[in-house]
Every structure is written in structure tokens, then in C-alpha cells.
PDB file of N, CA and C in Angstrom:
ATOM      1  N   MET A   1      32.271 -31.068 -22.912  1.00  0.00           N
ATOM      2  CA  MET A   1      31.003 -30.969 -22.189  1.00  0.00           C
ATOM      3  C   MET A   1      30.178 -32.242 -22.364  1.00  0.00           C
ATOM      4  N   ALA A   2      30.312 -32.933 -23.480  1.00  0.00           N
ATOM      5  CA  ALA A   2      29.519 -34.135 -23.733  1.00  0.00           C
ATOM      6  C   ALA A   2      29.817 -35.241 -22.728  1.00  0.00           C
ATOM      7  N   ASP A   3      31.055 -35.274 -22.195  1.00  0.00           N
ATOM      8  CA  ASP A   3      31.431 -36.317 -21.240  1.00  0.00           C
ATOM      9  C   ASP A   3      31.048 -35.975 -19.807  1.00  0.00           C
ATOM     10  N   MET A   4      30.546 -34.755 -19.592  1.00  0.00           N
ATOM     11  CA  MET A   4      30.231 -34.300 -18.240  1.00  0.00           C
ATOM     12  C   MET A   4      29.003 -35.025 -17.693  1.00  0.00           C
ATOM     13  N   ASN A   5      29.072 -35.401 -16.440  1.00  0.00           N
ATOM     14  CA  ASN A   5      27.933 -36.023 -15.770  1.00  0.00           C
ATOM     15  C   ASN A   5      26.922 -34.926 -15.440  1.00  0.00           C
ATOM     16  N   PRO A   6      25.711 -34.996 -16.006  1.00  0.00           N
ATOM     17  CA  PRO A   6      24.735 -33.929 -15.751  1.00  0.00           C
ATOM     18  C   PRO A   6      24.363 -33.787 -14.279  1.00  0.00           C
ATOM     19  N   LEU A   7      24.538 -34.846 -13.511  1.00  0.00           N
ATOM     20  CA  LEU A   7      24.183 -34.771 -12.089  1.00  0.00           C
ATOM     21  C   LEU A   7      25.209 -34.011 -11.260  1.00  0.00           C
ATOM     22  N   THR A   8      26.378 -33.730 -11.847  1.00  0.00           N
ATOM     23  CA  THR A   8      27.401 -33.000 -11.103  1.00  0.00           C
ATOM     24  C   THR A   8      27.602 -31.584 -11.641  1.00  0.00           C
ATOM     25  N   LEU A   9      26.793 -31.167 -12.605  1.00  0.00           N
ATOM     26  CA  LEU A   9      26.893 -29.810 -13.131  1.00  0.00           C
ATOM     27  C   LEU A   9      26.557 -28.800 -12.041  1.00  0.00           C
ATOM     28  N   PRO A  10      27.303 -27.718 -11.956  1.00  0.00           N
ATOM     29  CA  PRO A  10      26.969 -26.690 -10.967  1.00  0.00           C
ATOM     30  C   PRO A  10      25.779 -25.861 -11.453  1.00  0.00           C
ATOM     31  N   THR A  11      25.122 -25.213 -10.520  1.00  0.00           N
ATOM     32  CA  THR A  11      24.074 -24.264 -10.901  1.00  0.00           C
ATOM     33  C   THR A  11      24.754 -22.939 -11.255  1.00  0.00           C
ATOM     34  N   PRO A  12      24.076 -22.077 -12.018  1.00  0.00           N
ATOM     35  CA  PRO A  12      24.687 -20.802 -12.385  1.00  0.00           C
ATOM     36  C   PRO A  12      25.033 -19.970 -11.150  1.00  0.00           C
ATOM     37  N   PRO A  13      26.123 -19.190 -11.240  1.00  0.00           N
ATOM     38  CA  PRO A  13      26.535 -18.387 -10.078  1.00  0.00           C
ATOM     39  C   PRO A  13      25.588 -17.231  -9.775  1.00  0.00           C
ATOM     40  N   ALA A  14      24.829 -16.782 -10.777  1.00  0.00           N
ATOM     41  CA  ALA A  14      23.911 -15.660 -10.559  1.00  0.00           C
ATOM     42  C   ALA A  14      22.708 -15.795 -11.480  1.00  0.00           C
ATOM     43  N   CYS A  15      21.584 -15.271 -11.018  1.00  0.00           N
ATOM     44  CA  CYS A  15      20.387 -15.264 -11.851  1.00  0.00           C
ATOM     45  C   CYS A  15      19.466 -14.130 -11.419  1.00  0.00           C
ATOM     46  N   THR A  16      18.551 -13.828 -12.307  1.00  0.00           N
ATOM     47  CA  THR A  16      17.456 -12.915 -12.012  1.00  0.00           C
ATOM     48  C   THR A  16      16.175 -13.693 -12.248  1.00  0.00           C
ATOM     49  N   ALA A  17      15.306 -13.738 -11.260  1.00  0.00           N
ATOM     50  CA  ALA A  17      14.046 -14.475 -11.382  1.00  0.00           C
ATOM     51  C   ALA A  17      12.876 -13.525 -11.184  1.00  0.00           C
ATOM     52  N   ASP A  18      11.916 -13.653 -12.059  1.00  0.00           N
ATOM     53  CA  ASP A  18      10.664 -12.924 -11.900  1.00  0.00           C
ATOM     54  C   ASP A  18       9.649 -13.951 -11.418  1.00  0.00           C
ATOM     55  N   VAL A  19       9.088 -13.722 -10.252  1.00  0.00           N
ATOM     56  CA  VAL A  19       8.278 -14.734  -9.578  1.00  0.00           C
ATOM     57  C   VAL A  19       6.912 -14.174  -9.212  1.00  0.00           C
ATOM     58  N   CYS A  20       5.890 -14.982  -9.441  1.00  0.00           N
ATOM     59  CA  CYS A  20       4.546 -14.655  -8.986  1.00  0.00           C
ATOM     60  C   CYS A  20       3.986 -15.882  -8.285  1.00  0.00           C
ATOM     61  N   LEU A  21       3.868 -15.810  -6.951  1.00  0.00           N
ATOM     62  CA  LEU A  21       3.244 -16.884  -6.184  1.00  0.00           C
ATOM     63  C   LEU A  21       1.747 -16.627  -6.135  1.00  0.00           C
ATOM     64  N   ILE A  22       0.973 -17.645  -6.447  1.00  0.00           N
ATOM     65  CA  ILE A  22      -0.472 -17.493  -6.509  1.00  0.00           C
ATOM     66  C   ILE A  22      -1.117 -18.429  -5.489  1.00  0.00           C
ATOM     67  N   PRO A  23      -1.501 -17.888  -4.326  1.00  0.00           N
ATOM     68  CA  PRO A  23      -2.193 -18.712  -3.332  1.00  0.00           C
ATOM     69  C   PRO A  23      -3.587 -19.075  -3.849  1.00  0.00           C
ATOM     70  N   ILE A  24      -3.940 -20.331  -3.743  1.00  0.00           N
ATOM     71  CA  ILE A  24      -5.244 -20.801  -4.228  1.00  0.00           C
ATOM     72  C   ILE A  24      -6.066 -21.267  -3.032  1.00  0.00           C
ATOM     73  N   GLY A  25      -7.322 -20.852  -2.992  1.00  0.00           N
ATOM     74  CA  GLY A  25      -8.212 -21.285  -1.930  1.00  0.00           C
ATOM     75  C   GLY A  25      -8.171 -20.412  -0.697  1.00  0.00           C
ATOM     76  N   THR A  26      -7.755 -19.159  -0.867  1.00  0.00           N
ATOM     77  CA  THR A  26      -7.775 -18.241   0.275  1.00  0.00           C
ATOM     78  C   THR A  26      -9.215 -17.791   0.523  1.00  0.00           C
ATOM     79  N   PRO A  27      -9.524 -17.351   1.747  1.00  0.00           N
ATOM     80  CA  PRO A  27     -10.902 -16.985   2.080  1.00  0.00           C
ATOM     81  C   PRO A  27     -11.473 -15.837   1.231  1.00  0.00           C
ATOM     82  N   THR A  28     -10.592 -14.939   0.748  1.00  0.00           N
ATOM     83  CA  THR A  28     -11.067 -13.828  -0.073  1.00  0.00           C
ATOM     84  C   THR A  28     -10.247 -13.785  -1.363  1.00  0.00           C
ATOM     85  N   ALA A  29     -10.695 -12.956  -2.301  1.00  0.00           N
ATOM     86  CA  ALA A  29      -9.955 -12.800  -3.557  1.00  0.00           C
ATOM     87  C   ALA A  29      -8.650 -12.035  -3.352  1.00  0.00           C
ATOM     88  N   SER A  30      -8.550 -11.266  -2.286  1.00  0.00           N
ATOM     89  CA  SER A  30      -7.349 -10.487  -2.009  1.00  0.00           C
ATOM     90  C   SER A  30      -6.230 -11.393  -1.506  1.00  0.00           C
ATOM     91  N   VAL A  31      -5.034 -11.166  -2.008  1.00  0.00           N
ATOM     92  CA  VAL A  31      -3.861 -11.903  -1.525  1.00  0.00           C
ATOM     93  C   VAL A  31      -2.798 -10.938  -0.993  1.00  0.00           C
ATOM     94  N   SER A  32      -3.189  -9.707  -0.671  1.00  0.00           N
ATOM     95  CA  SER A  32      -2.218  -8.714  -0.204  1.00  0.00           C
ATOM     96  C   SER A  32      -1.537  -9.149   1.095  1.00  0.00           C
ATOM     97  N   LYS A  33      -2.248  -9.850   1.959  1.00  0.00           N
ATOM     98  CA  LYS A  33      -1.653 -10.334   3.206  1.00  0.00           C
ATOM     99  C   LYS A  33      -0.524 -11.321   2.896  1.00  0.00           C
ATOM    100  N   GLU A  34      -0.767 -12.235   1.976  1.00  0.00           N
ATOM    101  CA  GLU A  34       0.242 -13.227   1.594  1.00  0.00           C
ATOM    102  C   GLU A  34       1.422 -12.555   0.882  1.00  0.00           C
ATOM    103  N   VAL A  35       1.130 -11.581   0.035  1.00  0.00           N
ATOM    104  CA  VAL A  35       2.196 -10.852  -0.660  1.00  0.00           C
ATOM    105  C   VAL A  35       3.078 -10.137   0.363  1.00  0.00           C
ATOM    106  N   ALA A  36       2.482  -9.501   1.354  1.00  0.00           N
ATOM    107  CA  ALA A  36       3.258  -8.809   2.388  1.00  0.00           C
ATOM    108  C   ALA A  36       4.131  -9.795   3.164  1.00  0.00           C
ATOM    109  N   GLU A  37       3.603 -10.982   3.448  1.00  0.00           N
ATOM    110  CA  GLU A  37       4.391 -11.991   4.159  1.00  0.00           C
ATOM    111  C   GLU A  37       5.616 -12.398   3.342  1.00  0.00           C
ATOM    112  N   VAL A  38       5.432 -12.591   2.051  1.00  0.00           N
ATOM    113  CA  VAL A  38       6.553 -12.962   1.175  1.00  0.00           C
ATOM    114  C   VAL A  38       7.563 -11.820   1.108  1.00  0.00           C
ATOM    115  N   GLN A  39       7.092 -10.582   1.038  1.00  0.00           N
ATOM    116  CA  GLN A  39       8.004  -9.438   0.985  1.00  0.00           C
ATOM    117  C   GLN A  39       8.839  -9.349   2.274  1.00  0.00           C
ATOM    118  N   ARG A  40       8.233  -9.640   3.411  1.00  0.00           N
ATOM    119  CA  ARG A  40       8.988  -9.643   4.672  1.00  0.00           C
ATOM    120  C   ARG A  40      10.069 -10.723   4.652  1.00  0.00           C
ATOM    121  N   LEU A  41       9.723 -11.887   4.124  1.00  0.00           N
ATOM    122  CA  LEU A  41      10.688 -12.981   4.011  1.00  0.00           C
ATOM    123  C   LEU A  41      11.851 -12.572   3.105  1.00  0.00           C
ATOM    124  N   LEU A  42      11.536 -11.957   1.973  1.00  0.00           N
ATOM    125  CA  LEU A  42      12.582 -11.511   1.054  1.00  0.00           C
ATOM    126  C   LEU A  42      13.486 -10.469   1.706  1.00  0.00           C
ATOM    127  N   LYS A  43      12.898  -9.552   2.449  1.00  0.00           N
ATOM    128  CA  LYS A  43      13.699  -8.530   3.143  1.00  0.00           C
ATOM    129  C   LYS A  43      14.671  -9.191   4.107  1.00  0.00           C
ATOM    130  N   ALA A  44      14.206 -10.182   4.835  1.00  0.00           N
ATOM    131  CA  ALA A  44      15.054 -10.886   5.802  1.00  0.00           C
ATOM    132  C   ALA A  44      16.146 -11.710   5.118  1.00  0.00           C
ATOM    133  N   SER A  45      15.932 -12.089   3.852  1.00  0.00           N
ATOM    134  CA  SER A  45      16.887 -12.950   3.143  1.00  0.00           C
ATOM    135  C   SER A  45      18.175 -12.231   2.784  1.00  0.00           C
ATOM    136  N   GLY A  46      18.125 -10.916   2.639  1.00  0.00           N
ATOM    137  CA  GLY A  46      19.296 -10.171   2.208  1.00  0.00           C
ATOM    138  C   GLY A  46      19.494 -10.156   0.699  1.00  0.00           C
ATOM    139  N   LEU A  47      18.631 -10.839  -0.045  1.00  0.00           N
ATOM    140  CA  LEU A  47      18.727 -10.818  -1.505  1.00  0.00           C
ATOM    141  C   LEU A  47      18.205  -9.494  -2.046  1.00  0.00           C
ATOM    142  N   ASN A  48      18.670  -9.117  -3.217  1.00  0.00           N
ATOM    143  CA  ASN A  48      18.159  -7.931  -3.886  1.00  0.00           C
ATOM    144  C   ASN A  48      16.831  -8.312  -4.550  1.00  0.00           C
ATOM    145  N   TYR A  49      15.792  -7.518  -4.329  1.00  0.00           N
ATOM    146  CA  TYR A  49      14.478  -7.833  -4.889  1.00  0.00           C
ATOM    147  C   TYR A  49      13.702  -6.550  -5.112  1.00  0.00           C
ATOM    148  N   GLN A  50      12.701  -6.640  -5.972  1.00  0.00           N
ATOM    149  CA  GLN A  50      11.824  -5.498  -6.235  1.00  0.00           C
ATOM    150  C   GLN A  50      10.425  -6.024  -6.531  1.00  0.00           C
ATOM    151  N   MET A  51       9.477  -5.653  -5.708  1.00  0.00           N
ATOM    152  CA  MET A  51       8.089  -6.018  -5.952  1.00  0.00           C
ATOM    153  C   MET A  51       7.540  -5.152  -7.083  1.00  0.00           C
ATOM    154  N   HIS A  52       6.681  -5.730  -7.910  1.00  0.00           N
ATOM    155  CA  HIS A  52       5.958  -4.967  -8.921  1.00  0.00           C
ATOM    156  C   HIS A  52       4.514  -5.445  -8.922  1.00  0.00           C
ATOM    157  N   SER A  53       3.688  -4.908  -9.782  1.00  0.00           N
ATOM    158  CA  SER A  53       2.248  -5.168  -9.700  1.00  0.00           C
ATOM    159  C   SER A  53       1.859  -6.617  -9.967  1.00  0.00           C
ATOM    160  N   ALA A  54       2.721  -7.389 -10.627  1.00  0.00           N
ATOM    161  CA  ALA A  54       2.358  -8.770 -10.959  1.00  0.00           C
ATOM    162  C   ALA A  54       3.345  -9.785 -10.416  1.00  0.00           C
ATOM    163  N   GLY A  55       4.106  -9.416  -9.395  1.00  0.00           N
ATOM    164  CA  GLY A  55       5.066 -10.348  -8.822  1.00  0.00           C
ATOM    165  C   GLY A  55       6.255  -9.633  -8.229  1.00  0.00           C
ATOM    166  N   THR A  56       7.380 -10.346  -8.181  1.00  0.00           N
ATOM    167  CA  THR A  56       8.603  -9.808  -7.604  1.00  0.00           C
ATOM    168  C   THR A  56       9.792 -10.298  -8.414  1.00  0.00           C
ATOM    169  N   THR A  57      10.744  -9.404  -8.648  1.00  0.00           N
ATOM    170  CA  THR A  57      11.998  -9.774  -9.283  1.00  0.00           C
ATOM    171  C   THR A  57      13.029  -9.956  -8.180  1.00  0.00           C
ATOM    172  N   ILE A  58      13.763 -11.072  -8.247  1.00  0.00           N
ATOM    173  CA  ILE A  58      14.747 -11.419  -7.218  1.00  0.00           C
ATOM    174  C   ILE A  58      16.084 -11.695  -7.903  1.00  0.00           C
ATOM    175  N   GLU A  59      17.165 -11.178  -7.323  1.00  0.00           N
ATOM    176  CA  GLU A  59      18.514 -11.419  -7.839  1.00  0.00           C
ATOM    177  C   GLU A  59      19.353 -12.130  -6.793  1.00  0.00           C
ATOM    178  N   GLY A  60      20.228 -12.992  -7.259  1.00  0.00           N
ATOM    179  CA  GLY A  60      21.166 -13.665  -6.369  1.00  0.00           C
ATOM    180  C   GLY A  60      21.713 -14.900  -7.029  1.00  0.00           C
ATOM    181  N   SER A  61      22.385 -15.721  -6.245  1.00  0.00           N
ATOM    182  CA  SER A  61      22.859 -16.988  -6.797  1.00  0.00           C
ATOM    183  C   SER A  61      21.640 -17.850  -7.113  1.00  0.00           C
ATOM    184  N   TRP A  62      21.794 -18.747  -8.068  1.00  0.00           N
ATOM    185  CA  TRP A  62      20.702 -19.651  -8.438  1.00  0.00           C
ATOM    186  C   TRP A  62      20.174 -20.365  -7.191  1.00  0.00           C
ATOM    187  N   ASP A  63      21.102 -20.910  -6.418  1.00  0.00           N
ATOM    188  CA  ASP A  63      20.688 -21.688  -5.246  1.00  0.00           C
ATOM    189  C   ASP A  63      19.949 -20.831  -4.223  1.00  0.00           C
ATOM    190  N   ALA A  64      20.412 -19.613  -3.995  1.00  0.00           N
ATOM    191  CA  ALA A  64      19.760 -18.739  -3.012  1.00  0.00           C
ATOM    192  C   ALA A  64      18.380 -18.305  -3.495  1.00  0.00           C
ATOM    193  N   VAL A  65      18.269 -17.988  -4.775  1.00  0.00           N
ATOM    194  CA  VAL A  65      16.976 -17.549  -5.319  1.00  0.00           C
ATOM    195  C   VAL A  65      15.966 -18.689  -5.276  1.00  0.00           C
ATOM    196  N   MET A  66      16.377 -19.873  -5.714  1.00  0.00           N
ATOM    197  CA  MET A  66      15.448 -21.016  -5.697  1.00  0.00           C
ATOM    198  C   MET A  66      15.075 -21.403  -4.269  1.00  0.00           C
ATOM    199  N   LYS A  67      16.030 -21.274  -3.350  1.00  0.00           N
ATOM    200  CA  LYS A  67      15.752 -21.598  -1.945  1.00  0.00           C
ATOM    201  C   LYS A  67      14.705 -20.647  -1.373  1.00  0.00           C
ATOM    202  N   ILE A  68      14.838 -19.338  -1.635  1.00  0.00           N
ATOM    203  CA  ILE A  68      13.885 -18.381  -1.053  1.00  0.00           C
ATOM    204  C   ILE A  68      12.494 -18.573  -1.658  1.00  0.00           C
ATOM    205  N   ILE A  69      12.423 -18.955  -2.920  1.00  0.00           N
ATOM    206  CA  ILE A  69      11.111 -19.242  -3.524  1.00  0.00           C
ATOM    207  C   ILE A  69      10.479 -20.445  -2.827  1.00  0.00           C
ATOM    208  N   GLY A  70      11.261 -21.479  -2.583  1.00  0.00           N
ATOM    209  CA  GLY A  70      10.755 -22.647  -1.857  1.00  0.00           C
ATOM    210  C   GLY A  70      10.351 -22.301  -0.434  1.00  0.00           C
ATOM    211  N   GLN A  71      11.144 -21.442   0.210  1.00  0.00           N
ATOM    212  CA  GLN A  71      10.814 -21.027   1.574  1.00  0.00           C
ATOM    213  C   GLN A  71       9.523 -20.204   1.597  1.00  0.00           C
ATOM    214  N   ALA A  72       9.296 -19.414   0.557  1.00  0.00           N
ATOM    215  CA  ALA A  72       8.038 -18.651   0.478  1.00  0.00           C
ATOM    216  C   ALA A  72       6.854 -19.614   0.388  1.00  0.00           C
ATOM    217  N   HIS A  73       6.992 -20.661  -0.407  1.00  0.00           N
ATOM    218  CA  HIS A  73       5.934 -21.676  -0.473  1.00  0.00           C
ATOM    219  C   HIS A  73       5.711 -22.290   0.905  1.00  0.00           C
ATOM    220  N   SER A  74       6.792 -22.723   1.550  1.00  0.00           N
ATOM    221  CA  SER A  74       6.671 -23.374   2.865  1.00  0.00           C
ATOM    222  C   SER A  74       6.039 -22.449   3.893  1.00  0.00           C
ATOM    223  N   MET A  75       6.428 -21.174   3.871  1.00  0.00           N
ATOM    224  CA  MET A  75       5.883 -20.214   4.828  1.00  0.00           C
ATOM    225  C   MET A  75       4.373 -20.057   4.630  1.00  0.00           C
ATOM    226  N   LEU A  76       3.952 -19.864   3.376  1.00  0.00           N
ATOM    227  CA  LEU A  76       2.521 -19.689   3.127  1.00  0.00           C
ATOM    228  C   LEU A  76       1.742 -20.955   3.463  1.00  0.00           C
ATOM    229  N   HIS A  77       2.310 -22.130   3.165  1.00  0.00           N
ATOM    230  CA  HIS A  77       1.649 -23.379   3.553  1.00  0.00           C
ATOM    231  C   HIS A  77       1.489 -23.449   5.072  1.00  0.00           C
ATOM    232  N   SER A  78       2.548 -23.056   5.797  1.00  0.00           N
ATOM    233  CA  SER A  78       2.470 -23.125   7.266  1.00  0.00           C
ATOM    234  C   SER A  78       1.465 -22.121   7.816  1.00  0.00           C
ATOM    235  N   ASN A  79       1.132 -21.103   7.014  1.00  0.00           N
ATOM    236  CA  ASN A  79       0.122 -20.115   7.418  1.00  0.00           C
ATOM    237  C   ASN A  79      -1.283 -20.490   6.954  1.00  0.00           C
ATOM    238  N   GLY A  80      -1.447 -21.709   6.446  1.00  0.00           N
ATOM    239  CA  GLY A  80      -2.777 -22.194   6.120  1.00  0.00           C
ATOM    240  C   GLY A  80      -3.153 -22.211   4.648  1.00  0.00           C
ATOM    241  N   VAL A  81      -2.284 -21.728   3.769  1.00  0.00           N
ATOM    242  CA  VAL A  81      -2.586 -21.783   2.336  1.00  0.00           C
ATOM    243  C   VAL A  81      -2.265 -23.208   1.875  1.00  0.00           C
ATOM    244  N   VAL A  82      -3.282 -23.930   1.407  1.00  0.00           N
ATOM    245  CA  VAL A  82      -3.071 -25.344   1.093  1.00  0.00           C
ATOM    246  C   VAL A  82      -2.534 -25.584  -0.317  1.00  0.00           C
ATOM    247  N   ARG A  83      -2.692 -24.605  -1.203  1.00  0.00           N
ATOM    248  CA  ARG A  83      -2.207 -24.784  -2.576  1.00  0.00           C
ATOM    249  C   ARG A  83      -1.644 -23.464  -3.092  1.00  0.00           C
ATOM    250  N   ILE A  84      -0.478 -23.569  -3.740  1.00  0.00           N
ATOM    251  CA  ILE A  84       0.175 -22.394  -4.319  1.00  0.00           C
ATOM    252  C   ILE A  84       0.692 -22.773  -5.702  1.00  0.00           C
ATOM    253  N   GLN A  85       0.380 -21.966  -6.672  1.00  0.00           N
ATOM    254  CA  GLN A  85       0.953 -22.089  -8.008  1.00  0.00           C
ATOM    255  C   GLN A  85       1.935 -20.942  -8.165  1.00  0.00           C
ATOM    256  N   SER A  86       3.087 -21.210  -8.743  1.00  0.00           N
ATOM    257  CA  SER A  86       4.052 -20.135  -8.977  1.00  0.00           C
ATOM    258  C   SER A  86       4.434 -20.077 -10.439  1.00  0.00           C
ATOM    259  N   ASP A  87       4.454 -18.874 -10.956  1.00  0.00           N
ATOM    260  CA  ASP A  87       5.017 -18.614 -12.277  1.00  0.00           C
ATOM    261  C   ASP A  87       6.407 -18.057 -12.027  1.00  0.00           C
ATOM    262  N   ILE A  88       7.409 -18.686 -12.638  1.00  0.00           N
ATOM    263  CA  ILE A  88       8.789 -18.264 -12.434  1.00  0.00           C
ATOM    264  C   ILE A  88       9.469 -18.161 -13.794  1.00  0.00           C
ATOM    265  N   ARG A  89      10.051 -17.009 -14.062  1.00  0.00           N
ATOM    266  CA  ARG A  89      10.877 -16.823 -15.259  1.00  0.00           C
ATOM    267  C   ARG A  89      12.266 -16.463 -14.752  1.00  0.00           C
ATOM    268  N   VAL A  90      13.268 -17.248 -15.168  1.00  0.00           N
ATOM    269  CA  VAL A  90      14.626 -17.067 -14.657  1.00  0.00           C
ATOM    270  C   VAL A  90      15.571 -16.795 -15.812  1.00  0.00           C
ATOM    271  N   GLY A  91      16.422 -15.795 -15.629  1.00  0.00           N
ATOM    272  CA  GLY A  91      17.433 -15.486 -16.632  1.00  0.00           C
ATOM    273  C   GLY A  91      18.825 -15.559 -16.046  1.00  0.00           C
ATOM    274  N   THR A  92      19.748 -16.053 -16.861  1.00  0.00           N
ATOM    275  CA  THR A  92      21.162 -16.071 -16.487  1.00  0.00           C
ATOM    276  C   THR A  92      21.959 -15.570 -17.687  1.00  0.00           C
ATOM    277  N   ARG A  93      23.124 -15.049 -17.407  1.00  0.00           N
ATOM    278  CA  ARG A  93      24.023 -14.698 -18.508  1.00  0.00           C
ATOM    279  C   ARG A  93      25.458 -14.853 -18.032  1.00  0.00           C
ATOM    280  N   THR A  94      26.339 -15.157 -18.987  1.00  0.00           N
ATOM    281  CA  THR A  94      27.733 -15.414 -18.644  1.00  0.00           C
ATOM    282  C   THR A  94      28.682 -14.350 -19.175  1.00  0.00           C
ATOM    283  N   ASP A  95      28.202 -13.454 -20.041  1.00  0.00           N
ATOM    284  CA  ASP A  95      29.103 -12.481 -20.665  1.00  0.00           C
ATOM    285  C   ASP A  95      29.376 -11.264 -19.790  1.00  0.00           C
ATOM    286  N   LYS A  96      28.460 -10.932 -18.880  1.00  0.00           N
ATOM    287  CA  LYS A  96      28.684  -9.786 -17.994  1.00  0.00           C
ATOM    288  C   LYS A  96      27.707  -9.836 -16.836  1.00  0.00           C
ATOM    289  N   LYS A  97      28.023  -9.070 -15.787  1.00  0.00           N
ATOM    290  CA  LYS A  97      27.102  -8.915 -14.660  1.00  0.00           C
ATOM    291  C   LYS A  97      26.135  -7.801 -15.012  1.00  0.00           C
ATOM    292  N   GLN A  98      24.861  -8.042 -14.790  1.00  0.00           N
ATOM    293  CA  GLN A  98      23.852  -7.028 -15.080  1.00  0.00           C
ATOM    294  C   GLN A  98      22.688  -7.219 -14.121  1.00  0.00           C
ATOM    295  N   SER A  99      22.397  -6.189 -13.338  1.00  0.00           N
ATOM    296  CA  SER A  99      21.283  -6.266 -12.390  1.00  0.00           C
ATOM    297  C   SER A  99      19.985  -5.899 -13.090  1.00  0.00           C
ATOM    298  N   PHE A 100      18.868  -6.163 -12.433  1.00  0.00           N
ATOM    299  CA  PHE A 100      17.602  -5.757 -13.034  1.00  0.00           C
ATOM    300  C   PHE A 100      17.509  -4.242 -13.114  1.00  0.00           C
ATOM    301  N   ALA A 101      18.152  -3.540 -12.198  1.00  0.00           N
ATOM    302  CA  ALA A 101      18.180  -2.073 -12.270  1.00  0.00           C
ATOM    303  C   ALA A 101      18.971  -1.610 -13.491  1.00  0.00           C
ATOM    304  N   ASP A 102      20.076  -2.314 -13.809  1.00  0.00           N
ATOM    305  CA  ASP A 102      20.856  -1.985 -15.005  1.00  0.00           C
ATOM    306  C   ASP A 102      20.015  -2.148 -16.273  1.00  0.00           C
ATOM    307  N   LYS A 103      19.240  -3.220 -16.312  1.00  0.00           N
ATOM    308  CA  LYS A 103      18.418  -3.499 -17.500  1.00  0.00           C
ATOM    309  C   LYS A 103      17.383  -2.404 -17.725  1.00  0.00           C
ATOM    310  N   THR A 104      16.686  -2.019 -16.675  1.00  0.00           N
ATOM    311  CA  THR A 104      15.655  -0.994 -16.839  1.00  0.00           C
ATOM    312  C   THR A 104      16.276   0.372 -17.105  1.00  0.00           C
ATOM    313  N   ALA A 105      17.427   0.658 -16.507  1.00  0.00           N
ATOM    314  CA  ALA A 105      18.105   1.938 -16.747  1.00  0.00           C
ATOM    315  C   ALA A 105      18.518   2.061 -18.207  1.00  0.00           C
ATOM    316  N   LYS A 106      18.956   0.963 -18.810  1.00  0.00           N
ATOM    317  CA  LYS A 106      19.352   0.970 -20.223  1.00  0.00           C
ATOM    318  C   LYS A 106      18.167   1.345 -21.111  1.00  0.00           C
ATOM    319  N   VAL A 107      17.017   0.741 -20.859  1.00  0.00           N
ATOM    320  CA  VAL A 107      15.820   1.041 -21.655  1.00  0.00           C
ATOM    321  C   VAL A 107      15.363   2.477 -21.400  1.00  0.00           C
ATOM    322  N   GLU A 108      15.397   2.908 -20.153  1.00  0.00           N
ATOM    323  CA  GLU A 108      14.996   4.287 -19.833  1.00  0.00           C
ATOM    324  C   GLU A 108      15.901   5.300 -20.523  1.00  0.00           C
ATOM    325  N   ALA A 109      17.199   5.001 -20.629  1.00  0.00           N
ATOM    326  CA  ALA A 109      18.131   5.898 -21.339  1.00  0.00           C
ATOM    327  C   ALA A 109      17.794   5.970 -22.820  1.00  0.00           C
ATOM    328  N   LEU A 110      17.453   4.847 -23.411  1.00  0.00           N
ATOM    329  CA  LEU A 110      17.039   4.843 -24.824  1.00  0.00           C
ATOM    330  C   LEU A 110      15.773   5.653 -25.030  1.00  0.00           C
ATOM    331  N   LEU A 111      14.810   5.517 -24.118  1.00  0.00           N
ATOM    332  CA  LEU A 111      13.569   6.278 -24.231  1.00  0.00           C
ATOM    333  C   LEU A 111      13.825   7.770 -24.027  1.00  0.00           C
ATOM    334  N   ALA A 112      14.732   8.113 -23.129  1.00  0.00           N
ATOM    335  CA  ALA A 112      15.067   9.520 -22.899  1.00  0.00           C
ATOM    336  C   ALA A 112      15.712  10.126 -24.155  1.00  0.00           C
ATOM    337  N   SER A 113      16.529   9.335 -24.847  1.00  0.00           N
ATOM    338  CA  SER A 113      17.147   9.849 -26.074  1.00  0.00           C
ATOM    339  C   SER A 113      16.104  10.010 -27.164  1.00  0.00           C
ATOM    340  N   ASP A 114      15.063   9.177 -27.174  1.00  0.00           N
ATOM    341  CA  ASP A 114      13.944   9.347 -28.123  1.00  0.00           C
ATOM    342  C   ASP A 114      13.269  10.696 -27.904  1.00  0.00           C
ATOM    343  N   ALA A 115      13.045  11.022 -26.628  1.00  0.00           N
ATOM    344  CA  ALA A 115      12.359  12.262 -26.282  1.00  0.00           C
ATOM    345  C   ALA A 115      13.198  13.470 -26.700  1.00  0.00           C
ATOM    346  N   LYS A 116      14.506  13.400 -26.533  1.00  0.00           N
ATOM    347  CA  LYS A 116      15.390  14.512 -26.904  1.00  0.00           C
ATOM    348  C   LYS A 116      15.434  14.698 -28.423  1.00  0.00           C
ATOM    349  N   SER A 117      15.397  13.593 -29.161  1.00  0.00           N
ATOM    350  CA  SER A 117      15.491  13.695 -30.614  1.00  0.00           C
ATOM    351  C   SER A 117      14.179  14.180 -31.241  1.00  0.00           C
ATOM    352  N   SER A 118      13.075  14.085 -30.509  1.00  0.00           N
ATOM    353  CA  SER A 118      11.801  14.556 -31.054  1.00  0.00           C
ATOM    354  C   SER A 118      11.544  16.022 -30.732  1.00  0.00           C
ATOM    355  N   GLU A 119      12.442  16.646 -29.956  1.00  0.00           N
ATOM    356  CA  GLU A 119      12.255  18.060 -29.592  1.00  0.00           C
ATOM    357  C   GLU A 119      12.702  18.969 -30.703  1.00  0.00           C
TER     358      GLU A 119
END
């Protein structure tokens, strides 16, 4: 690996990204219109995603996920938002495939077993 050219390294085949786009300078404090626009874009992308109260989790190839985040920025800019800050947390793993639904189901199963053991 030490001899590998870093400019030719491939991107990971899969990732899960938790993303929060923050439009700055909108006419009101509400950004629900912008959030809905991004959700429509994600639906059209075909990627697996789930909106939550503080952002959206997106699954797919690294390149596809990063591309849709960039496209969300471009779309909001074209709709008049002049500045956008994004918080992005991205996870990858090589030992197994695991969706965000798998991760939450695992924790929910542990919590369910807690409830059964306290009865």
C-alpha cells in the first residue's frame, strides 16, 4: 500500500452518510421548503435514504452519495439560496454489508431483550 499512488486510489464501494444541509440567508427561519426539495431530489436519485429530524441518512456508492449531496447544493443554489453549509458524517466498512436499517434493528433488538429481562 505504501507504493500506491494516492491519486489513483478508488473510492469505497459503499457508504452511509448522515447529511444536514443548512441554507443560510433564507427569507424566513423555516427551511421546510428547501428540505422538501432535497427529499424530492433524493427520491428521484434511486438511492436508499431516510429523512430524520436533523438531516437525512443516505446509502449507496461513495461516488453516488457524494454526487447527490453536491447536486442538492447546486439545486438549492439555482433556487436562490446563496450560501449552504453542510454537516456530513460518512461511514464505510469492509467486513460486511450493513444498511442503516440493519444498524437500528440491531439496537432495537437489544433494547427489546432488555425489556423482556426486566419482566
